[in-house]
Amino acid sequence: MFEFVCVMFFTHQLDEHLYIGHFKSCDAAYVYIEQHYAPQEYTWIKCLHQDFINLPKDLIKKEVRYE
């Protein structure tokens, strides 16, 4: 089940972020980020269980199959 949400922030302002997708684990999300984005492209990333993040009601869930 894909329950962990990965969000990447480009600046310290919370409105400048990018939803990366839903992952099976935060470890998988961080490996995906390391392999697809350069560290200078983002300020920080956050991975949380979907139960602990306020997702927009109209969000289209993107399951990223990455181990």
Protein backbone atom coordinates (compact mmCIF):
# COMPACT_ATOMS: atom_id res chain seq x y z
CA MET A 1 0.00 0.00 0.00
CA PHE A 2 1.25 3.49 -0.87
CA GLU A 3 0.69 5.51 2.29
CA PHE A 4 3.73 7.78 2.57
CA VAL A 5 3.66 11.17 0.88
CA CYS A 6 6.81 12.88 -0.34
CA VAL A 7 6.79 16.65 -0.84
CA MET A 8 9.78 18.68 -2.03
CA PHE A 9 10.17 22.35 -1.08
CA PHE A 10 12.13 24.67 -3.34
CA THR A 11 12.33 27.55 -0.86
CA HIS A 12 11.54 28.13 2.78
CA GLN A 13 8.07 29.32 1.82
CA LEU A 14 5.54 26.52 2.15
CA ASP A 15 3.60 27.64 -0.93
CA GLU A 16 6.52 26.79 -3.21
CA HIS A 17 6.41 23.02 -3.04
CA LEU A 18 6.00 20.04 -5.33
CA TYR A 19 4.04 16.89 -4.56
CA ILE A 20 6.32 14.06 -5.70
CA GLY A 21 3.98 11.17 -5.02
CA HIS A 22 2.91 8.40 -2.69
CA PHE A 23 5.49 5.74 -1.79
CA LYS A 24 5.53 2.46 0.12
CA SER A 25 8.05 3.90 2.58
CA CYS A 26 9.96 7.09 3.27
CA ASP A 27 13.22 5.26 2.53
CA ALA A 28 11.96 4.54 -1.00
CA ALA A 29 10.93 8.19 -1.38
CA TYR A 30 14.35 9.48 -0.32
CA VAL A 31 16.16 7.08 -2.67
CA TYR A 32 13.90 8.24 -5.51
CA ILE A 33 14.71 11.91 -4.76
CA GLU A 34 18.46 11.21 -4.60
CA GLN A 35 18.37 9.51 -8.00
CA HIS A 36 16.07 11.96 -9.82
CA TYR A 37 16.89 15.41 -8.41
CA ALA A 38 20.13 17.29 -7.75
CA PRO A 39 20.54 18.59 -4.17
CA GLN A 40 20.69 22.20 -5.40
CA GLU A 41 17.19 21.83 -6.91
CA TYR A 42 15.42 21.88 -3.56
CA THR A 43 15.68 23.33 -0.08
CA TRP A 44 14.38 20.26 1.74
CA ILE A 45 12.07 17.31 1.38
CA LYS A 46 9.48 15.91 3.72
CA CYS A 47 8.00 12.44 3.82
CA LEU A 48 5.04 11.73 6.09
CA HIS A 49 2.34 9.12 6.46
CA GLN A 50 -0.77 10.31 4.61
CA ASP A 51 -2.76 10.25 7.88
CA PHE A 52 -0.52 13.02 9.27
CA ILE A 53 -0.57 15.48 6.39
CA ASN A 54 -3.35 17.72 5.12
CA LEU A 55 -3.68 16.76 1.48
CA PRO A 56 -5.87 18.80 -0.88
CA LYS A 57 -9.22 17.12 -1.45
CA ASP A 58 -8.74 17.33 -5.23
CA LEU A 59 -5.24 15.77 -5.16
CA ILE A 60 -4.83 13.02 -7.71
CA LYS A 61 -2.82 10.34 -5.92
CA LYS A 62 0.35 9.40 -7.82
CA GLU A 63 1.72 6.04 -6.69
CA VAL A 64 5.46 5.89 -7.37
CA ARG A 65 6.67 2.32 -7.61
CA TYR A 66 10.22 2.63 -6.45
CA GLU A 67 12.16 0.33 -4.15
